[in-house]
C-alpha cells in the first residue's frame, strides 16, 4: 500500500502538463507517452466510480454529506492501487466539507502545488468551461466556488483562487508541499522539473530529464492531441492544450477586468510576483 502525493492546483494551472512530464519521466520511452494513458501513473480525484466502490452501490441519490463521508474510504482505496507512491490529481482546496477533509492526512505523504498567474488562468478557465471571461472572474473571486458534478465525477470544491492557494500553502504545510510556478515550467524547465524530481526522490540523468521535458513540451502535446485526441478535454472546449504561453492577459483583458482580479487577489499575486506593472 502506497501513500498519496497530491498533484494539486486551481484548474488550468499546469497540473496536467506536470502529470504528462511524470508519465514520460517514469516511462523513459523512445517516443512521447500516450496522452490517453495518464492513469497508468496518476489518478484523478473525485471519480464517481471510486465513491461507488467505497459505498458498495450507486451514489446517485446520496446527499452531499453522504458523499463527502466516503472520502476517507476512497483515499484508502487509492493507496491500495500501488505498493509505492500514488500520484493523485486534485483541484480541491485543502479544506473541510461537512467536517470531512477533502485531503485525508492519514493517507498523504505530501503534495506538489502548481500555481499560475490568475490573469492568465481566467482566460483558460473561460475556454475550458465554455463561459465568458467575466463569468470566470466571478468564479475565481467566489469564496464558495465549486464545479458541478457529472455522471462521472463528484463536484470539486475550489473556493476563490486566493483561498485555494492559501489553503495548500498554509504555514504548517511548507515541508510537505513543493510549489511550482507555471511560468517557471515554461521558462526554466530543467531547473523547475528537476526540482520536482528531486522533491520526489528521483534522480534522473540530465539526458533523461531533458528527454522527459522535450516529450512533454506544449508543441508535442498539441500535436498528440490533434492526432489522437485527449480524453480529458472538456466537451465545451475545442482543445485542451490551447496556447501554453504566459502573459496573454496583456492583450486579452480589459483594464477593468485586470483591476477586478487584482483587487480580489492582491496579496497572493504580490507574493508570487504576478502583479501587473504599476502595482506595488
Protein backbone atom coordinates (compact mmCIF):
# COMPACT_ATOMS: atom_id res chain seq x y z
CA UNK A 1 0.00 0.00 0.00
CA UNK A 2 1.45 3.38 -1.02
CA UNK A 3 0.93 6.89 0.31
CA UNK A 4 -0.59 9.66 -1.79
CA UNK A 5 1.35 12.55 -3.27
CA UNK A 6 -1.26 15.06 -4.37
CA UNK A 7 -0.79 16.96 -7.63
CA UNK A 8 -2.85 19.98 -6.64
CA UNK A 9 -3.84 23.17 -8.40
CA UNK A 10 -6.62 25.55 -9.20
CA UNK A 11 -7.92 24.46 -12.64
CA UNK A 12 -5.85 25.38 -15.72
CA UNK A 13 -2.60 25.96 -13.84
CA UNK A 14 -0.27 23.31 -15.30
CA UNK A 15 -1.37 20.23 -13.38
CA UNK A 16 -1.99 18.04 -16.43
CA UNK A 17 1.25 19.20 -18.05
CA UNK A 18 3.17 18.08 -14.97
CA UNK A 19 1.37 14.73 -14.95
CA UNK A 20 2.46 14.17 -18.54
CA UNK A 21 6.03 15.04 -17.57
CA UNK A 22 5.91 12.42 -14.78
CA UNK A 23 4.50 9.89 -17.23
CA UNK A 24 7.38 10.50 -19.63
CA UNK A 25 9.94 10.59 -16.82
CA UNK A 26 8.91 7.24 -15.36
CA UNK A 27 8.22 5.53 -18.68
CA UNK A 28 11.50 6.77 -20.21
CA UNK A 29 10.46 5.62 -23.65
CA UNK A 30 11.83 6.41 -27.08
CA UNK A 31 8.79 8.47 -28.04
CA UNK A 32 6.28 10.66 -26.16
CA UNK A 33 3.92 8.79 -23.87
CA UNK A 34 0.30 8.32 -24.90
CA UNK A 35 -1.79 11.23 -23.58
CA UNK A 36 -4.74 8.93 -23.05
CA UNK A 37 -2.95 6.55 -20.71
CA UNK A 38 -2.09 9.01 -17.94
CA UNK A 39 -3.92 6.87 -15.40
CA UNK A 40 -1.04 4.39 -15.56
CA UNK A 41 0.90 6.76 -13.33
CA UNK A 42 -1.53 9.34 -11.98
CA UNK A 43 -5.12 9.16 -10.84
CA UNK A 44 -7.82 11.81 -10.91
CA UNK A 45 -9.53 12.68 -7.64
CA UNK A 46 -13.33 12.71 -7.46
CA UNK A 47 -14.14 9.98 -9.98
CA UNK A 48 -17.62 8.73 -9.22
CA UNK A 49 -16.67 5.08 -9.72
CA UNK A 50 -14.37 5.18 -6.67
CA UNK A 51 -17.12 6.57 -4.48
CA UNK A 52 -19.48 3.86 -5.63
CA UNK A 53 -16.81 1.28 -4.93
CA UNK A 54 -16.41 2.70 -1.42
CA UNK A 55 -20.18 2.75 -0.88
CA UNK A 56 -20.75 -0.65 -2.44
CA UNK A 57 -23.61 0.74 -4.53
CA UNK A 58 -24.77 3.66 -6.67
CA UNK A 59 -24.42 7.11 -5.09
CA UNK A 60 -26.91 8.80 -7.42
CA UNK A 61 -29.33 9.50 -4.57
CA UNK A 62 -26.69 10.35 -1.95
CA UNK A 63 -26.69 13.75 -0.29
CA UNK A 64 -23.56 15.92 -0.30
CA UNK A 65 -22.89 14.93 3.31
CA UNK A 66 -23.21 11.22 2.48
CA UNK A 67 -20.81 11.58 -0.45
CA UNK A 68 -18.18 13.54 1.50
CA UNK A 69 -18.38 10.98 4.31
CA UNK A 70 -16.98 8.47 1.79
CA UNK A 71 -13.83 10.50 1.08
CA UNK A 72 -11.51 8.79 3.63
CA UNK A 73 -12.52 5.36 2.33
CA UNK A 74 -11.98 6.49 -1.27
CA UNK A 75 -8.49 7.74 -0.42
CA UNK A 76 -7.70 4.46 1.29
CA UNK A 77 -8.76 2.67 -1.90
CA UNK A 78 -6.38 4.90 -3.88
CA UNK A 79 -3.48 3.79 -1.68
CA UNK A 80 -4.29 0.14 -2.34
CA UNK A 81 -3.73 0.54 -6.08
CA UNK A 82 0.07 0.79 -5.70
CA UNK A 83 2.81 -0.57 -3.50
CA UNK A 84 4.74 2.69 -3.77
CA UNK A 85 3.76 6.35 -4.24
CA UNK A 86 0.26 7.03 -5.54
CA UNK A 87 0.00 10.27 -7.55
CA UNK A 88 -3.47 11.82 -7.43
CA UNK A 89 -4.51 14.96 -9.30
CA UNK A 90 -6.90 17.24 -7.45
CA UNK A 91 -8.45 20.66 -7.94
CA UNK A 92 -10.00 20.70 -4.49
CA UNK A 93 -8.94 23.31 -1.97
CA UNK A 94 -7.34 21.93 1.17
CA UNK A 95 -10.37 22.39 3.38
CA UNK A 96 -13.17 20.62 5.25
CA UNK A 97 -16.59 19.91 3.77
CA UNK A 98 -19.24 18.77 6.22
CA UNK A 99 -16.45 18.26 8.72
CA UNK A 100 -14.54 15.90 6.38
CA UNK A 101 -11.08 16.83 4.98
CA UNK A 102 -11.04 16.86 1.19
CA UNK A 103 -7.46 15.57 1.54
CA UNK A 104 -7.16 12.79 4.12
CA UNK A 105 -4.00 13.36 6.24
CA UNK A 106 -3.68 9.66 7.17
CA UNK A 107 -3.02 8.64 3.57
CA UNK A 108 -1.00 11.68 2.48
CA UNK A 109 2.78 11.73 2.03
CA UNK A 110 2.96 15.23 0.54
CA UNK A 111 1.88 17.40 -2.37
CA UNK A 112 3.11 19.32 -5.37
CA UNK A 113 1.20 22.56 -5.86
CA UNK A 114 1.03 24.28 -9.25
CA UNK A 115 0.32 27.99 -9.40
CA UNK A 116 -0.22 30.26 -12.39
CA UNK A 117 -0.86 33.98 -12.84
CA UNK A 118 -4.62 34.38 -12.31
CA UNK A 119 -4.73 36.94 -15.11
CA UNK A 120 -3.86 34.10 -17.49
CA UNK A 121 -5.79 31.42 -15.61
CA UNK A 122 -9.04 33.29 -16.18
CA UNK A 123 -8.65 33.06 -19.97
CA UNK A 124 -8.01 29.31 -19.94
CA UNK A 125 -10.81 28.86 -17.44
CA UNK A 126 -13.29 30.63 -19.72
CA UNK A 127 -12.30 28.39 -22.63
CA UNK A 128 -12.41 25.21 -20.55
CA UNK A 129 -15.85 25.81 -19.04
CA UNK A 130 -17.36 27.47 -22.09
CA UNK A 131 -18.14 30.70 -20.28
CA UNK A 132 -17.28 34.37 -20.61
CA UNK A 133 -14.18 35.95 -19.11
CA UNK A 134 -16.37 37.97 -16.74
CA UNK A 135 -18.12 34.80 -15.57
CA UNK A 136 -14.71 33.22 -14.99
CA UNK A 137 -13.58 36.25 -12.98
CA UNK A 138 -16.68 35.94 -10.80
CA UNK A 139 -15.91 32.25 -10.34
CA UNK A 140 -12.31 32.91 -9.33
CA UNK A 141 -13.41 35.61 -6.88
CA UNK A 142 -16.14 33.46 -5.27
CA UNK A 143 -15.15 32.16 -1.82
CA UNK A 144 -17.62 29.28 -2.22
CA UNK A 145 -16.90 28.35 -5.84
CA UNK A 146 -17.31 24.73 -6.86
CA UNK A 147 -17.78 22.79 -10.08
CA UNK A 148 -20.90 20.87 -10.89
CA UNK A 149 -20.94 17.10 -10.61
CA UNK A 150 -21.33 14.98 -13.73
CA UNK A 151 -22.28 11.39 -14.44
CA UNK A 152 -18.59 10.52 -13.93
CA UNK A 153 -17.37 12.96 -11.26
CA UNK A 154 -18.48 14.43 -7.98
CA UNK A 155 -18.27 18.24 -7.57
CA UNK A 156 -14.91 19.91 -6.90
CA UNK A 157 -14.69 22.48 -4.10
CA UNK A 158 -12.45 25.28 -5.38
CA UNK A 159 -13.16 28.33 -3.19
CA UNK A 160 -11.67 31.52 -4.68
CA UNK A 161 -8.29 31.49 -6.41
CA UNK A 162 -6.54 33.08 -3.41
CA UNK A 163 -8.36 30.84 -0.94
CA UNK A 164 -7.23 27.82 -2.94
CA UNK A 165 -3.58 28.89 -2.97
CA UNK A 166 -3.57 29.81 0.72
CA UNK A 167 -5.24 26.58 1.76
CA UNK A 168 -2.46 24.47 0.25
CA UNK A 169 0.41 26.76 1.20
CA UNK A 170 -0.53 27.45 4.81
CA UNK A 171 2.37 27.65 7.24
CA UNK A 172 2.17 24.10 8.59
CA UNK A 173 2.41 22.55 5.12
CA UNK A 174 5.70 24.06 3.93
CA UNK A 175 7.88 20.98 4.42
CA UNK A 176 5.39 18.67 2.69
CA UNK A 177 4.33 20.82 -0.25
CA UNK A 178 6.58 21.59 -3.22
CA UNK A 179 5.47 24.67 -5.21
CA UNK A 180 5.88 25.05 -8.98
CA UNK A 181 5.03 28.21 -10.88
CA UNK A 182 3.59 27.63 -14.35
CA UNK A 183 5.78 30.41 -15.68
CA UNK A 184 8.93 28.70 -14.36
CA UNK A 185 7.81 25.46 -16.01
CA UNK A 186 7.76 27.42 -19.27
CA UNK A 187 10.95 29.46 -18.96
CA UNK A 188 13.13 27.42 -16.58
CA UNK A 189 12.08 23.85 -17.40
CA UNK A 190 15.24 21.98 -16.38
CA UNK A 191 15.52 23.71 -13.01
CA UNK A 192 11.78 23.51 -12.33
CA UNK A 193 11.04 19.96 -13.44
CA UNK A 194 14.39 18.87 -12.00
CA UNK A 195 13.30 20.33 -8.65
CA UNK A 196 10.08 18.35 -8.89
CA UNK A 197 12.01 15.13 -9.46
CA UNK A 198 14.30 15.92 -6.51
CA UNK A 199 11.31 16.51 -4.22
CA UNK A 200 10.04 13.07 -5.20
CA UNK A 201 13.41 11.47 -4.51
CA UNK A 202 14.03 10.73 -8.20
CA UNK A 203 17.49 11.36 -9.66
CA UNK A 204 17.30 11.19 -13.47
CA UNK A 205 20.39 11.84 -15.56
CA UNK A 206 20.45 15.18 -17.37
CA UNK A 207 19.75 13.38 -20.65
CA UNK A 208 16.79 11.53 -19.13
CA UNK A 209 15.37 14.74 -17.64
CA UNK A 210 15.77 16.69 -20.87
CA UNK A 211 14.05 13.95 -22.87
CA UNK A 212 11.07 13.87 -20.47
CA UNK A 213 10.81 17.67 -20.74
CA UNK A 214 11.04 17.56 -24.53
CA UNK A 215 8.40 14.84 -24.79
CA UNK A 216 6.13 16.94 -22.55
CA UNK A 217 6.60 20.23 -24.42
CA UNK A 218 3.47 22.13 -25.36
CA UNK A 219 4.20 21.74 -29.05
CA UNK A 220 4.39 17.94 -28.65
CA UNK A 221 1.19 17.88 -26.61
CA UNK A 222 -0.75 19.91 -29.18
CA UNK A 223 0.36 17.56 -31.96
CA UNK A 224 -0.57 14.50 -29.92
CA UNK A 225 -3.99 15.96 -29.12
CA UNK A 226 -4.53 16.82 -32.80
CA UNK A 227 -3.69 13.30 -33.96
CA UNK A 228 -5.09 11.14 -31.13
CA UNK A 229 -7.39 13.40 -29.17
CA UNK A 230 -7.33 13.77 -25.39
CA UNK A 231 -9.88 12.09 -23.16
CA UNK A 232 -9.64 14.85 -20.52
CA UNK A 233 -10.68 17.64 -22.87
CA UNK A 234 -13.83 19.44 -21.80
CA UNK A 235 -16.76 18.98 -24.19
CA UNK A 236 -17.13 22.77 -24.03
CA UNK A 237 -13.66 23.46 -25.46
CA UNK A 238 -12.20 22.80 -28.90
CA UNK A 239 -8.92 21.62 -27.41
CA UNK A 240 -7.31 21.06 -24.03
CA UNK A 241 -3.84 22.33 -24.91
CA UNK A 242 -4.88 25.76 -26.15
CA UNK A 243 -1.93 28.21 -26.18
CA UNK A 244 0.53 27.32 -23.42
CA UNK A 245 2.00 30.78 -23.01
CA UNK A 246 2.30 33.36 -20.27
CA UNK A 247 1.16 36.97 -20.49
CA UNK A 248 -1.82 36.52 -22.82
CA UNK A 249 -3.85 38.67 -20.46
CA UNK A 250 -1.96 41.78 -21.61
CA UNK A 251 -3.91 41.91 -24.88
CA UNK A 252 -6.98 39.87 -23.91
CA UNK A 253 -8.24 41.54 -20.71
CA UNK A 254 -9.69 45.00 -20.28
CA UNK A 255 -8.26 47.30 -17.62
CA UNK A 256 -11.47 46.90 -15.65
CA UNK A 257 -11.12 43.10 -15.70
CA UNK A 258 -7.49 43.31 -14.60
CA UNK A 259 -8.41 45.61 -11.73
CA UNK A 260 -11.21 43.29 -10.59
CA UNK A 261 -8.84 40.32 -10.40
CA UNK A 262 -6.05 42.25 -8.70
CA UNK A 263 -8.42 43.75 -6.14
CA UNK A 264 -9.58 40.27 -5.10
CA UNK A 265 -6.17 38.58 -5.09
CA UNK A 266 -3.63 41.34 -4.48
CA UNK A 267 -1.77 39.72 -1.55
CA UNK A 268 -1.20 36.35 -3.20
CA UNK A 269 -0.38 37.93 -6.56
CA UNK A 270 2.22 40.13 -4.89
CA UNK A 271 3.76 37.17 -3.07
CA UNK A 272 4.22 35.24 -6.32
CA UNK A 273 5.23 38.26 -8.43
CA UNK A 274 2.08 38.31 -10.53
CA UNK A 275 1.12 41.97 -10.06
CA UNK A 276 0.92 43.91 -13.34
CA UNK A 277 3.22 46.90 -13.92
CA UNK A 278 2.10 49.91 -11.94
CA UNK A 279 1.01 47.98 -8.87
CA UNK A 280 3.13 47.88 -5.71
